[in-house]
Amino acid sequence: MGFKFLPLFIFIIIFSFILNADSKIVEKIVVIINDEIITYTEFDDRLEKTREMFKQVYKYSDSKLNEEIEKSKSQILDTMIDEILFVQEAMKRNIKISDADVSKEINALKKQFSSDKEFDDALKAEGYTLDSLKREKKRTLLLQELIKQKFASELNVTDDEVRKFYDENKAQFPDRKDTVKLKHLFIKFNLTQSDKDKAKQKAESVLKQCLDGADFDEMVEKYSDDLATKGNKGDMEYLIPGMWQFPEIEDTISKLAINQISDIIETPDGFEIIKVTEKKRDGKIRAKIIHIAILPDPAEEKSAEDKANSILNQLKNGADFVKIVKDYSDDKLSKDKDGDWMEVPIDNMGTDLQGAFDSFDVGNISKTIRSEQGFHIFKITEKKDLTSNEIEQIKRFLSDKKLQDKLGEYSKKLRDIAYIQRFEIDG
């Protein structure tokens, strides 16, 4: 993620080309700052470096490049003036940078090259000698230490500031997916033997049609109660041996040939009819499934729904979600964890779960959601709309922005007491 409005000012202030102000030859002066000067050669050199940076970063055409450089001249000169003012201030504050500190910076730079010759060639290509590079690095370290001493304690960014920035700039995060963490409460249907028998009779009828030659895909679309696979004609994609939810299914289909249809397989939720479509040498099997759910009679469904709605009213009136889970939930796995369920990307939620929430704010409770097993109620306990990497990038950006503002104020203060004389810039 990049912030297009990251000011050139702060980039140049911290990592700028800080040119040597000593041993100047007699030539045209652009600005006098107290007892130092900026010459036309120095200013022109900075323009060329900025031109090269613009060319690489923005891929401007020659005409556009010339236009942008012309517009930037005043800002570039102001940046150079500020650099000198800040370095002068660092010297007044008796900030010291040792030769060892400078050597450490140079050695770190050298490590980016495969040989001393490659490093020397790169210096020449950029218009540096080793001595001028050392002077530049020393000044850079002076500026960094000045910034650290003056502003470090004022550049911290709080979580609230990150949140505010994100809320005001969501358009800059177009490809991200917000995630919510949910608690789960489940009221299951009380299924009778009669309900089970009805489901099995339906499964037997569907299996007979399949074995008599009915199109398996059409039978999926017509009879399957598994919404997760029904829209994909029952395709479960490739399944890895030993990773199946129900071992009885794996045991059965591992013995089937390609295009062979299984007998009825009973699971806790219903009855399955499976057709193997592909087998791979690594043991993976691809199959299609028709799931016939064990459904309650209408009276039992109404009773479960009334119970779920009564619980929902208690929650809306302020009842503690965890206590309600402990008292009523039939989902043992989440019940033993105070209702904690899972983190779900909002964009990947099913339409039934998405539609159950009026909003995805923390603390919101869903409407009751019916599944083939019973009724579900969810509560949002946490919302993650930024990754840890995005949070850190925003913090760095906001910290840099604070620094920019501080440096702007500091620059004005130093300019008010400094002697600055500008001369006309040709060209």
Protein backbone atom coordinates (compact mmCIF):
# COMPACT_ATOMS: atom_id res chain seq x y z
CA MET A 1 0.00 0.00 0.00
CA GLY A 2 1.42 3.40 -0.93
CA PHE A 3 0.36 6.90 0.03
CA LYS A 4 0.51 9.05 -3.07
CA PHE A 5 0.35 12.26 -1.07
CA LEU A 6 3.50 11.50 0.96
CA PRO A 7 5.19 14.90 0.64
CA LEU A 8 8.44 15.26 -1.22
CA PHE A 9 9.50 17.58 1.59
CA ILE A 10 9.81 14.90 4.25
CA PHE A 11 11.48 12.46 1.86
CA ILE A 12 14.13 14.97 1.01
CA ILE A 13 14.59 16.24 4.58
CA ILE A 14 15.46 12.85 5.98
CA PHE A 15 17.19 11.16 3.06
CA SER A 16 18.16 14.11 0.92
CA PHE A 17 21.35 14.79 -0.90
CA ILE A 18 23.02 17.11 1.61
CA LEU A 19 25.78 18.85 -0.22
CA ASN A 20 29.05 20.10 1.20
CA ALA A 21 29.01 23.77 2.17
CA ASP A 22 32.74 23.95 2.81
CA SER A 23 35.59 24.84 0.42
CA LYS A 24 33.31 26.56 -2.08
CA ILE A 25 34.85 27.99 -5.20
CA VAL A 26 33.97 31.50 -6.23
CA GLU A 27 30.86 31.24 -8.32
CA LYS A 28 27.30 32.50 -8.53
CA ILE A 29 25.46 32.47 -5.20
CA VAL A 30 21.76 31.54 -5.03
CA VAL A 31 21.13 32.05 -1.29
CA ILE A 32 23.06 33.23 1.77
CA ILE A 33 21.97 31.58 5.05
CA ASN A 34 23.73 33.16 8.04
CA ASP A 35 27.40 32.35 7.33
CA GLU A 36 26.78 29.70 4.67
CA ILE A 37 25.79 29.82 1.02
CA ILE A 38 24.09 27.75 -1.65
CA THR A 39 25.77 28.12 -5.01
CA TYR A 40 24.16 27.81 -8.40
CA THR A 41 26.21 24.64 -9.03
CA GLU A 42 24.81 23.04 -5.86
CA PHE A 43 21.27 24.06 -6.71
CA ASP A 44 21.61 22.79 -10.28
CA ASP A 45 23.03 19.50 -8.98
CA ARG A 46 20.01 19.09 -6.72
CA LEU A 47 17.68 19.80 -9.64
CA GLU A 48 19.37 17.09 -11.70
CA LYS A 49 19.11 14.56 -8.87
CA THR A 50 15.45 15.43 -8.40
CA ARG A 51 14.92 15.14 -12.16
CA GLU A 52 16.43 11.65 -12.11
CA MET A 53 14.27 10.63 -9.15
CA PHE A 54 11.09 11.90 -10.85
CA LYS A 55 12.08 10.11 -14.03
CA GLN A 56 12.51 6.77 -12.28
CA VAL A 57 9.54 7.00 -9.92
CA TYR A 58 6.89 8.64 -12.08
CA LYS A 59 8.01 7.68 -15.61
CA TYR A 60 7.30 11.19 -16.88
CA SER A 61 7.73 12.16 -20.51
CA ASP A 62 10.48 14.73 -21.17
CA SER A 63 8.01 17.61 -21.50
CA LYS A 64 6.11 16.59 -18.36
CA LEU A 65 9.39 16.10 -16.51
CA ASN A 66 10.57 19.60 -17.40
CA GLU A 67 7.21 21.01 -16.31
CA GLU A 68 7.33 19.25 -12.92
CA ILE A 69 10.93 20.30 -12.28
CA GLU A 70 10.08 23.90 -13.06
CA LYS A 71 7.16 23.79 -10.61
CA SER A 72 9.39 22.20 -7.95
CA LYS A 73 12.28 24.69 -8.09
CA SER A 74 11.00 26.89 -5.27
CA GLN A 75 10.26 23.90 -3.02
CA ILE A 76 13.65 22.33 -3.73
CA LEU A 77 15.44 25.56 -2.82
CA ASP A 78 13.39 25.90 0.37
CA THR A 79 14.37 22.35 1.28
CA MET A 80 18.06 23.14 0.80
CA ILE A 81 17.71 26.25 2.98
CA ASP A 82 16.01 24.23 5.71
CA GLU A 83 18.72 21.59 5.58
CA ILE A 84 21.38 24.21 6.25
CA LEU A 85 19.34 25.84 9.02
CA PHE A 86 18.79 22.47 10.70
CA VAL A 87 22.46 21.50 10.46
CA GLN A 88 23.47 24.88 11.87
CA GLU A 89 21.05 24.31 14.75
CA ALA A 90 22.48 20.84 15.35
CA MET A 91 25.97 22.35 15.60
CA LYS A 92 24.69 24.98 18.06
CA ARG A 93 23.21 22.20 20.20
CA ASN A 94 26.68 20.60 20.23
CA ILE A 95 25.48 17.43 18.53
CA LYS A 96 28.50 15.34 17.64
CA ILE A 97 28.79 12.66 14.94
CA SER A 98 31.94 10.55 15.18
CA ASP A 99 34.03 9.29 12.28
CA ALA A 100 33.12 5.76 13.43
CA ASP A 101 29.42 6.56 12.96
CA VAL A 102 30.08 7.80 9.45
CA SER A 103 32.23 4.77 8.59
CA LYS A 104 29.45 2.47 9.76
CA GLU A 105 27.05 4.14 7.32
CA ILE A 106 29.54 3.95 4.45
CA ASN A 107 30.29 0.28 5.14
CA ALA A 108 26.59 -0.55 5.18
CA LEU A 109 26.28 1.12 1.79
CA LYS A 110 29.30 -0.76 0.44
CA LYS A 111 27.71 -4.11 1.32
CA GLN A 112 25.09 -3.45 -1.35
CA PHE A 113 27.80 -3.80 -4.01
CA SER A 114 29.70 -6.89 -5.06
CA SER A 115 33.12 -5.21 -5.09
CA ASP A 116 34.94 -2.00 -4.20
CA LYS A 117 35.22 -1.19 -7.90
CA GLU A 118 31.46 -1.46 -8.37
CA PHE A 119 31.00 0.84 -5.36
CA ASP A 120 33.54 3.38 -6.71
CA ASP A 121 31.91 3.31 -10.14
CA ALA A 122 28.50 3.93 -8.58
CA LEU A 123 29.88 6.94 -6.67
CA LYS A 124 31.31 8.44 -9.83
CA ALA A 125 28.08 7.85 -11.72
CA GLU A 126 26.21 9.80 -9.03
CA GLY A 127 28.78 12.59 -9.00
CA TYR A 128 30.34 11.77 -5.62
CA THR A 129 33.81 11.22 -4.27
CA LEU A 130 34.32 9.17 -1.11
CA ASP A 131 35.08 12.38 0.83
CA SER A 132 31.93 14.15 -0.39
CA LEU A 133 29.86 11.06 0.45
CA LYS A 134 31.29 11.04 3.97
CA ARG A 135 30.43 14.70 4.42
CA GLU A 136 26.90 14.05 3.20
CA LYS A 137 26.46 11.07 5.54
CA LYS A 138 27.75 13.12 8.48
CA ARG A 139 25.23 15.85 7.81
CA THR A 140 22.45 13.31 7.40
CA LEU A 141 23.30 11.80 10.79
CA LEU A 142 23.38 15.30 12.31
CA LEU A 143 19.87 15.94 11.03
CA GLN A 144 18.61 12.59 12.25
CA GLU A 145 20.04 13.18 15.73
CA LEU A 146 18.53 16.68 15.84
CA ILE A 147 15.14 15.25 14.89
CA LYS A 148 15.50 12.54 17.52
CA GLN A 149 16.37 15.01 20.27
CA LYS A 150 13.75 17.59 19.34
CA PHE A 151 10.76 15.55 18.23
CA ALA A 152 11.06 11.80 18.97
CA SER A 153 8.68 11.91 21.95
CA GLU A 154 6.07 13.80 19.89
CA LEU A 155 5.91 11.40 16.93
CA ASN A 156 4.09 8.47 18.54
CA VAL A 157 0.86 7.42 16.81
CA THR A 158 -2.05 6.00 18.82
CA ASP A 159 -4.46 3.25 17.76
CA ASP A 160 -7.26 5.85 17.71
CA GLU A 161 -5.28 7.94 15.22
CA VAL A 162 -4.79 4.87 12.99
CA ARG A 163 -8.53 4.13 13.18
CA LYS A 164 -9.45 7.73 12.31
CA PHE A 165 -7.09 7.74 9.34
CA TYR A 166 -8.47 4.44 8.05
CA ASP A 167 -12.09 5.58 8.41
CA GLU A 168 -11.33 8.78 6.47
CA ASN A 169 -9.28 7.06 3.73
CA LYS A 170 -11.00 3.74 3.07
CA ALA A 171 -10.81 4.38 -0.68
CA GLN A 172 -7.05 3.78 -0.44
CA PHE A 173 -7.68 0.20 0.72
CA PRO A 174 -9.84 -1.11 -2.17
CA ASP A 175 -8.61 -4.71 -2.20
CA ARG A 176 -8.75 -5.54 1.49
CA LYS A 177 -11.34 -7.72 3.23
CA ASP A 178 -12.60 -6.84 6.70
CA THR A 179 -12.79 -9.76 9.13
CA VAL A 180 -15.04 -10.23 12.16
CA LYS A 181 -14.63 -12.58 15.10
CA LEU A 182 -17.87 -14.24 16.16
CA LYS A 183 -19.39 -15.91 19.19
CA HIS A 184 -21.92 -18.65 18.42
CA LEU A 185 -25.10 -19.85 20.09
CA PHE A 186 -26.96 -22.85 18.63
CA ILE A 187 -30.43 -24.24 19.32
CA LYS A 188 -30.73 -27.61 17.63
CA PHE A 189 -33.81 -29.37 16.38
CA ASN A 190 -35.02 -32.29 18.46
CA LEU A 191 -35.01 -34.87 15.69
CA THR A 192 -37.16 -37.96 16.11
CA GLN A 193 -36.87 -41.42 14.59
CA SER A 194 -39.77 -40.48 12.35
CA ASP A 195 -37.78 -37.51 10.99
CA LYS A 196 -34.82 -39.80 10.36
CA ASP A 197 -36.99 -42.39 8.59
CA LYS A 198 -38.45 -39.74 6.27
CA ALA A 199 -34.97 -38.56 5.29
CA LYS A 200 -33.81 -42.11 4.62
CA GLN A 201 -36.86 -42.84 2.47
CA LYS A 202 -36.07 -39.73 0.41
CA ALA A 203 -32.42 -40.81 0.10
CA GLU A 204 -33.46 -44.30 -1.06
CA SER A 205 -35.72 -42.79 -3.74
CA VAL A 206 -32.92 -40.49 -4.96
CA LEU A 207 -30.39 -43.36 -5.04
CA LYS A 208 -32.75 -45.54 -7.08
CA GLN A 209 -33.15 -42.78 -9.66
CA CYS A 210 -29.36 -42.35 -9.85
CA LEU A 211 -28.80 -46.09 -10.33
CA ASP A 212 -31.54 -46.16 -12.98
CA GLY A 213 -29.57 -43.64 -15.02
CA ALA A 214 -30.78 -40.23 -13.86
CA ASP A 215 -28.23 -37.44 -14.41
CA PHE A 216 -26.31 -37.05 -11.13
CA ASP A 217 -25.86 -33.28 -11.55
CA GLU A 218 -29.60 -32.82 -12.04
CA MET A 219 -30.32 -34.94 -8.98
CA VAL A 220 -27.96 -32.73 -6.92
CA GLU A 221 -29.75 -29.59 -8.04
CA LYS A 222 -33.17 -31.13 -7.39
CA TYR A 223 -32.69 -32.93 -4.07
CA SER A 224 -29.47 -32.04 -2.23
CA ASP A 225 -29.81 -30.10 1.05
CA ASP A 226 -26.12 -29.16 1.18
CA LEU A 227 -26.02 -25.49 0.18
CA ALA A 228 -22.21 -25.44 0.23
CA THR A 229 -21.94 -27.87 -2.72
CA LYS A 230 -25.36 -27.71 -4.37
CA GLY A 231 -24.55 -24.58 -6.37
CA ASN A 232 -21.47 -26.37 -7.77
CA LYS A 233 -23.39 -29.49 -8.85
CA GLY A 234 -22.26 -31.32 -5.72
CA ASP A 235 -18.54 -31.04 -6.46
CA MET A 236 -16.42 -31.45 -3.32
CA GLU A 237 -13.18 -30.93 -5.32
CA TYR A 238 -10.10 -32.96 -4.33
CA LEU A 239 -10.21 -34.55 -0.89
CA ILE A 240 -7.09 -35.79 0.89
CA PRO A 241 -7.19 -39.23 2.54
CA GLY A 242 -7.24 -38.97 6.32
CA MET A 243 -8.61 -35.40 6.25
CA TRP A 244 -12.30 -36.16 5.80
CA GLN A 245 -14.89 -34.94 8.27
CA PHE A 246 -16.63 -38.33 8.43
CA PRO A 247 -14.42 -41.46 8.26
CA GLU A 248 -17.39 -43.55 7.12
CA ILE A 249 -17.54 -41.50 3.91
CA GLU A 250 -13.83 -41.93 3.22
CA ASP A 251 -13.98 -45.66 3.86
CA THR A 252 -16.84 -46.05 1.38
CA ILE A 253 -15.67 -43.94 -1.52
CA SER A 254 -12.05 -45.13 -1.34
CA LYS A 255 -13.42 -48.44 -2.61
CA LEU A 256 -15.43 -46.92 -5.47
CA ALA A 257 -14.28 -46.83 -9.08
CA ILE A 258 -14.42 -43.64 -11.14
CA ASN A 259 -18.05 -42.77 -12.01
CA GLN A 260 -19.34 -45.37 -9.56
CA ILE A 261 -22.14 -44.26 -7.19
CA SER A 262 -22.08 -45.20 -3.52
CA ASP A 263 -24.82 -46.79 -1.47
CA ILE A 264 -26.50 -44.55 1.12
CA ILE A 265 -24.05 -43.40 3.78
CA GLU A 266 -25.48 -42.34 7.15
CA THR A 267 -23.90 -39.41 9.01
CA PRO A 268 -25.03 -37.53 12.12
CA ASP A 269 -26.65 -34.83 9.95
CA GLY A 270 -28.34 -36.95 7.30
CA PHE A 271 -27.69 -39.35 4.44
CA GLU A 272 -25.12 -39.05 1.67
CA ILE A 273 -24.97 -40.39 -1.88
CA ILE A 274 -21.57 -39.92 -3.50
CA LYS A 275 -20.23 -40.33 -7.01
CA VAL A 276 -16.47 -40.52 -7.55
CA THR A 277 -15.37 -38.43 -10.55
CA GLU A 278 -11.56 -38.70 -10.41
CA LYS A 279 -8.72 -40.42 -8.55
CA LYS A 280 -5.09 -39.25 -8.51
CA ARG A 281 -1.91 -41.21 -7.92
CA ASP A 282 -1.22 -39.32 -4.69
CA GLY A 283 -4.44 -40.71 -3.23
CA LYS A 284 -6.61 -37.62 -3.70
CA ILE A 285 -10.19 -38.31 -4.71
CA ARG A 286 -12.64 -35.96 -6.37
CA ALA A 287 -16.31 -36.66 -5.85
CA LYS A 288 -19.81 -35.23 -6.05
CA ILE A 289 -22.29 -35.47 -3.20
CA ILE A 290 -26.05 -35.46 -2.67
CA HIS A 291 -26.86 -34.69 0.96
CA ILE A 292 -30.32 -35.55 2.26
CA ALA A 293 -30.78 -33.79 5.58
CA ILE A 294 -32.74 -35.15 8.52
CA LEU A 295 -35.32 -32.40 8.98
CA PRO A 296 -37.69 -31.86 11.90
CA ASP A 297 -41.47 -31.98 11.71
CA PRO A 298 -43.08 -28.50 11.50
CA ALA A 299 -44.13 -28.48 15.16
CA GLU A 300 -40.57 -29.19 16.40
CA GLU A 301 -39.13 -26.58 14.05
CA LYS A 302 -41.60 -23.99 15.34
CA SER A 303 -40.72 -24.88 18.94
CA ALA A 304 -36.98 -24.47 18.27
CA GLU A 305 -37.56 -21.20 16.44
CA ASP A 306 -39.67 -19.82 19.30
CA LYS A 307 -36.94 -20.77 21.77
CA ALA A 308 -34.25 -19.11 19.64
CA ASN A 309 -36.31 -15.93 19.26
CA SER A 310 -36.94 -15.81 23.02
CA ILE A 311 -33.20 -16.08 23.64
CA LEU A 312 -32.53 -13.37 21.05
CA ASN A 313 -34.92 -11.02 22.88
CA GLN A 314 -33.01 -11.63 26.12
CA LEU A 315 -29.76 -10.75 24.36
CA LYS A 316 -31.24 -7.57 22.88
CA ASN A 317 -32.38 -6.58 26.36
CA GLY A 318 -28.81 -6.80 27.66
CA ALA A 319 -28.37 -10.42 28.75
CA ASP A 320 -24.74 -11.58 28.83
CA PHE A 321 -23.97 -13.55 25.67
CA VAL A 322 -21.52 -15.92 27.35
CA LYS A 323 -23.99 -16.75 30.15
CA ILE A 324 -26.75 -17.39 27.59
CA VAL A 325 -24.38 -19.68 25.66
CA LYS A 326 -23.62 -21.61 28.85
CA ASP A 327 -27.33 -21.93 29.68
CA TYR A 328 -28.80 -22.75 26.27
CA SER A 329 -26.34 -23.53 23.44
CA ASP A 330 -26.41 -27.05 21.95
CA ASP A 331 -23.06 -26.62 20.19
CA LYS A 332 -20.70 -28.31 22.65
CA LEU A 333 -17.51 -27.28 20.86
CA SER A 334 -18.15 -23.52 21.01
CA LYS A 335 -20.07 -23.77 24.31
CA ASP A 336 -16.93 -25.03 26.05
CA LYS A 337 -15.08 -21.92 24.74
CA ASP A 338 -17.65 -19.33 25.93
CA GLY A 339 -19.22 -19.34 22.46
CA ASP A 340 -16.02 -18.44 20.59
CA TRP A 341 -16.44 -19.61 17.03
CA MET A 342 -14.11 -18.31 14.31
CA GLU A 343 -12.87 -15.30 12.37
CA VAL A 344 -14.76 -14.77 9.13
CA PRO A 345 -13.91 -12.39 6.23
CA ILE A 346 -17.09 -10.38 5.75
CA ASP A 347 -16.91 -10.61 1.96
CA ASN A 348 -16.69 -14.41 2.20
CA MET A 349 -19.73 -14.85 4.42
CA GLY A 350 -22.76 -16.61 3.02
CA THR A 351 -25.66 -14.33 2.14
CA ASP A 352 -27.70 -15.73 5.05
CA LEU A 353 -25.03 -14.76 7.60
CA GLN A 354 -24.33 -11.39 5.97
CA GLY A 355 -28.03 -10.57 5.90
CA ALA A 356 -28.45 -11.50 9.55
CA PHE A 357 -26.44 -8.46 10.73
CA ASP A 358 -27.75 -4.90 10.55
CA SER A 359 -24.11 -3.77 10.64
CA PHE A 360 -20.75 -5.36 11.36
CA ASP A 361 -19.84 -3.16 14.31
CA VAL A 362 -18.34 -4.81 17.38
CA GLY A 363 -21.04 -5.90 19.84
CA ASN A 364 -23.79 -6.40 17.27
CA ILE A 365 -25.91 -9.55 17.52
CA SER A 366 -27.37 -11.32 14.50
CA LYS A 367 -30.94 -12.30 13.83
CA THR A 368 -31.70 -16.00 14.16
CA ILE A 369 -30.39 -18.01 11.22
CA ARG A 370 -31.94 -21.34 10.29
CA SER A 371 -29.84 -24.25 9.11
CA GLU A 372 -30.83 -27.87 8.60
CA GLN A 373 -29.64 -28.65 12.13
CA GLY A 374 -31.34 -25.79 13.99
CA PHE A 375 -31.15 -22.07 14.68
CA HIS A 376 -27.98 -20.00 15.14
CA ILE A 377 -27.31 -16.62 16.77
CA PHE A 378 -23.96 -14.83 16.43
CA LYS A 379 -22.31 -11.90 18.16
CA ILE A 380 -19.44 -9.83 16.76
CA THR A 381 -16.71 -9.56 19.41
CA GLU A 382 -13.91 -8.11 17.28
CA LYS A 383 -13.51 -6.52 13.88
CA LYS A 384 -10.22 -6.52 12.00
CA ASP A 385 -10.29 -4.14 9.08
CA LEU A 386 -6.51 -3.69 8.96
CA THR A 387 -3.70 -6.20 8.89
CA SER A 388 -0.78 -5.71 11.28
CA ASN A 389 1.38 -4.72 8.29
CA GLU A 390 -1.16 -2.07 7.21
CA ILE A 391 -1.36 -0.72 10.76
CA GLU A 392 2.42 -0.35 10.88
CA GLN A 393 2.51 1.39 7.50
CA ILE A 394 -0.18 3.83 8.58
CA LYS A 395 1.66 4.51 11.83
CA ARG A 396 4.86 5.24 9.90
CA PHE A 397 2.99 7.52 7.51
CA LEU A 398 1.26 9.44 10.32
CA SER A 399 4.52 9.69 12.26
CA ASP A 400 6.23 11.10 9.15
CA LYS A 401 3.36 13.55 8.73
CA LYS A 402 3.74 14.70 12.33
CA LEU A 403 7.45 15.13 11.71
CA GLN A 404 6.74 17.15 8.58
CA ASP A 405 4.47 19.47 10.56
CA LYS A 406 7.02 19.80 13.36
CA LEU A 407 9.83 20.52 10.90
CA GLY A 408 7.65 23.11 9.20
CA GLU A 409 7.09 24.90 12.51
CA TYR A 410 10.76 24.56 13.40
CA SER A 411 11.81 25.92 10.01
CA LYS A 412 9.62 28.99 10.44
CA LYS A 413 11.09 29.62 13.87
CA LEU A 414 14.68 29.35 12.59
CA ARG A 415 13.95 31.49 9.51
CA ASP A 416 12.53 34.25 11.71
CA ILE A 417 15.89 34.68 13.45
CA ALA A 418 18.23 33.82 10.57
CA TYR A 419 19.83 36.05 7.97
CA ILE A 420 18.64 34.82 4.59
CA GLN A 421 19.27 36.61 1.32
CA ARG A 422 18.04 35.15 -1.97
CA PHE A 423 19.36 35.99 -5.42
CA GLU A 424 17.58 35.51 -8.71
CA ILE A 425 17.76 32.02 -10.22
CA ASP A 426 18.45 31.92 -13.95
CA GLY A 427 16.63 29.47 -16.21
